[in-house]
Amino acid sequence: MEKIDFMVTMINIQEEAVGTRILDLQRSAYAVEARLIGCGDFPPLREMLDDLRHCTDCFLVFVEKGEIVGCLSYERAGGIFTITRLVVSPRHFRRGIASALLRDLESRLSPGSVICASTADLNEPAIRAYEKQGYKTEAGPVSQGIALRRVRKQVGGGLD
């Protein structure tokens, strides 16, 4: 059996090479999501490198054999952590990378912290990934013509 060489770590998105890699990764992942939900003009695909490098989010990446194959970014407001992107290279789908990133984020937070996110209501693989990690889901608003699903979890339990 092949040994998997991976780690989850924080990165500095302002570094141009890092920003370029994350932008390429999210474009490939979001292109798949756009097709899945039937959205020809998917808003996350409009993000440019300069936008990404100037955002104030914290970035966690899943690195395997020296390659970034998954990314989770979040912003914090008090004890609420909002996931702003969770993307995995399409070549690495269905391998638990999104789940590993979600678990790593949770491990960094204090009990009682709340993690929330939104995803397209038609993005069943993303909704299943969140639910597998114990997130509660509910219908969300429609944003830019896309029906959203909200997901939420309190670190250490609770949030019924």
Foldseek 3Di string as FASTA:
>chain_A
DDDWDKDKDWDQCLPQVNLVQVLVQVLQQVVVVCVQQVNPCDVVPPDDSVNRNPDPWIKMFMATPNHTFWIWTWDDDPLEIEIPDTTGHPVCPPVCRSVVVVVVVLVVHDAFRKYKYKDFPSPVVVVVSLVVVPWDWDWDPQDPNTTIIMTMATRPDDDD
